[in-house]
């Protein structure tokens, strides 16, 4: 009887330690994911604020979905995406950009923000929506929508 209780305590202890380790590993993985996404979001904010697509274009997926207010819409290569967004930002010249909503607790994190721009002397606002995918252990931009 004493031996059974001892074995049960050992099993419970092992399960408890395993649970704590698993929780710690998951927490570290979530923190790492969050840091990587935040780093990428900063680069996108810097690039969209200044019209410098090159600040974040290295994070484009090989195939991206773009939907822009000027009518450009569809799937494009990373190279095409670079030039399409660069052309868009040369017409709608950015004044500022800031992400206002960020969701990271999902397999496809996304963020939305407000782009203030100048188009031929007329100021305007657009909502920017960006989605990310984990590809080969690196977060990539998979979609950009600007309305």
Protein backbone atom coordinates (compact mmCIF):
# COMPACT_ATOMS: atom_id res chain seq x y z
CA UNK A 1 0.00 0.00 0.00
CA UNK A 2 2.77 2.40 0.91
CA UNK A 3 4.56 1.51 -2.30
CA UNK A 4 1.46 2.35 -4.37
CA UNK A 5 1.14 5.79 -2.77
CA UNK A 6 4.82 6.44 -3.34
CA UNK A 7 4.55 5.46 -7.02
CA UNK A 8 1.46 7.63 -7.40
CA UNK A 9 3.27 10.63 -5.88
CA UNK A 10 6.20 10.08 -8.23
CA UNK A 11 3.88 9.90 -11.24
CA UNK A 12 2.03 13.02 -10.17
CA UNK A 13 5.34 14.81 -9.64
CA UNK A 14 6.56 13.75 -13.08
CA UNK A 15 3.31 14.90 -14.69
CA UNK A 16 3.48 18.22 -12.86
CA UNK A 17 7.10 18.81 -13.90
CA UNK A 18 6.25 17.83 -17.50
CA UNK A 19 3.34 20.26 -17.53
CA UNK A 20 5.50 23.08 -16.16
CA UNK A 21 8.22 22.40 -18.76
CA UNK A 22 5.70 22.25 -21.61
CA UNK A 23 4.11 25.50 -20.46
CA UNK A 24 7.52 27.17 -20.23
CA UNK A 25 8.53 25.99 -23.70
CA UNK A 26 5.22 27.21 -25.16
CA UNK A 27 5.65 30.57 -23.42
CA UNK A 28 9.18 30.99 -24.81
CA UNK A 29 7.95 30.09 -28.31
CA UNK A 30 5.10 32.63 -28.04
CA UNK A 31 7.52 35.34 -26.86
CA UNK A 32 9.86 34.59 -29.76
CA UNK A 33 6.97 34.72 -32.24
CA UNK A 34 5.80 38.00 -30.73
CA UNK A 35 9.30 39.54 -30.94
CA UNK A 36 9.69 38.51 -34.58
CA UNK A 37 6.27 39.86 -35.56
CA UNK A 38 6.89 43.12 -33.65
CA UNK A 39 10.22 43.60 -35.42
CA UNK A 40 8.48 43.10 -38.76
CA UNK A 41 5.66 45.49 -37.82
CA UNK A 42 8.19 48.21 -36.97
CA UNK A 43 9.86 47.81 -40.37
CA UNK A 44 6.49 48.01 -42.14
CA UNK A 45 5.52 51.13 -40.15
CA UNK A 46 8.85 52.77 -41.01
CA UNK A 47 8.50 51.85 -44.68
CA UNK A 48 4.88 52.92 -45.09
CA UNK A 49 5.48 56.17 -43.16
CA UNK A 50 8.27 57.20 -45.51
CA UNK A 51 7.25 55.47 -48.75
CA UNK A 52 10.30 53.19 -48.48
CA UNK A 53 9.02 49.79 -49.55
CA UNK A 54 12.57 48.45 -49.41
CA UNK A 55 12.42 48.60 -45.58
CA UNK A 56 10.02 45.65 -45.55
CA UNK A 57 10.02 44.12 -49.05
CA UNK A 58 12.57 41.46 -48.03
CA UNK A 59 9.74 39.99 -45.91
CA UNK A 60 7.37 39.49 -48.84
CA UNK A 61 6.26 35.94 -49.45
CA UNK A 62 7.12 34.52 -52.87
CA UNK A 63 3.44 35.08 -53.75
CA UNK A 64 1.43 37.86 -52.11
CA UNK A 65 -2.15 38.99 -52.33
CA UNK A 66 -2.47 42.74 -52.84
CA UNK A 67 -5.64 44.80 -52.94
CA UNK A 68 -5.07 48.53 -53.27
CA UNK A 69 -7.48 51.45 -53.46
CA UNK A 70 -6.17 52.34 -56.94
CA UNK A 71 -7.60 49.10 -58.35
CA UNK A 72 -4.50 46.89 -58.25
CA UNK A 73 -5.66 43.53 -56.97
CA UNK A 74 -4.50 39.93 -57.22
CA UNK A 75 -1.63 37.60 -56.46
CA UNK A 76 1.82 38.92 -57.26
CA UNK A 77 5.42 37.79 -56.90
CA UNK A 78 7.55 39.51 -54.27
CA UNK A 79 9.24 41.58 -56.99
CA UNK A 80 5.92 42.65 -58.52
CA UNK A 81 4.55 43.43 -55.04
CA UNK A 82 7.51 45.72 -54.39
CA UNK A 83 6.90 47.79 -57.53
CA UNK A 84 3.10 47.87 -57.20
CA UNK A 85 3.29 49.20 -53.63
CA UNK A 86 6.14 51.56 -54.52
CA UNK A 87 4.05 53.00 -57.40
CA UNK A 88 1.02 53.32 -55.11
CA UNK A 89 3.04 55.22 -52.49
CA UNK A 90 4.52 57.51 -55.15
CA UNK A 91 0.97 58.69 -55.96
CA UNK A 92 -0.46 58.55 -52.43
CA UNK A 93 2.56 60.09 -50.71
CA UNK A 94 2.65 58.99 -47.06
CA UNK A 95 2.47 61.57 -44.29
CA UNK A 96 2.31 59.01 -41.49
CA UNK A 97 1.42 55.42 -40.76
CA UNK A 98 0.73 53.61 -37.51
CA UNK A 99 -0.64 50.16 -36.72
CA UNK A 100 -3.69 50.46 -34.47
CA UNK A 101 -4.76 46.82 -34.17
CA UNK A 102 -2.43 43.81 -33.93
CA UNK A 103 -3.49 40.18 -33.51
CA UNK A 104 -0.63 37.74 -32.92
CA UNK A 105 -2.33 34.85 -31.09
CA UNK A 106 -3.19 32.96 -34.27
CA UNK A 107 -1.47 30.88 -36.95
CA UNK A 108 -1.85 33.79 -39.39
CA UNK A 109 -1.14 36.97 -37.42
CA UNK A 110 -2.43 40.22 -38.85
CA UNK A 111 -2.38 43.93 -38.20
CA UNK A 112 -4.36 46.95 -39.30
CA UNK A 113 -3.42 50.59 -39.25
CA UNK A 114 -4.10 54.06 -40.59
CA UNK A 115 -2.14 55.57 -43.47
CA UNK A 116 -2.32 59.35 -43.83
CA UNK A 117 -1.27 60.50 -47.28
CA UNK A 118 -1.12 63.44 -49.66
CA UNK A 119 -2.43 63.01 -53.21
CA UNK A 120 -1.89 66.11 -55.39
CA UNK A 121 -2.24 68.41 -52.38
CA UNK A 122 -5.30 66.64 -51.03
CA UNK A 123 -4.88 64.82 -47.75
CA UNK A 124 -6.55 61.48 -47.24
CA UNK A 125 -6.67 58.42 -45.03
CA UNK A 126 -6.53 54.75 -45.88
CA UNK A 127 -6.82 51.62 -43.79
CA UNK A 128 -3.93 49.20 -44.24
CA UNK A 129 -4.37 45.52 -43.44
CA UNK A 130 -1.35 43.15 -43.39
CA UNK A 131 -1.37 39.37 -42.89
CA UNK A 132 1.63 37.16 -42.10
CA UNK A 133 2.48 33.49 -42.68
CA UNK A 134 5.23 31.38 -41.16
CA UNK A 135 7.26 29.96 -44.06
CA UNK A 136 10.47 27.99 -43.46
CA UNK A 137 10.50 29.25 -39.84
CA UNK A 138 10.40 32.90 -40.94
CA UNK A 139 7.45 35.26 -40.81
CA UNK A 140 6.53 36.57 -44.25
CA UNK A 141 4.03 39.14 -45.47
CA UNK A 142 1.34 37.24 -47.36
CA UNK A 143 -1.29 39.95 -47.89
CA UNK A 144 -1.52 43.72 -47.97
CA UNK A 145 -4.80 45.56 -48.42
CA UNK A 146 -4.99 49.36 -48.63
CA UNK A 147 -8.51 50.85 -48.77
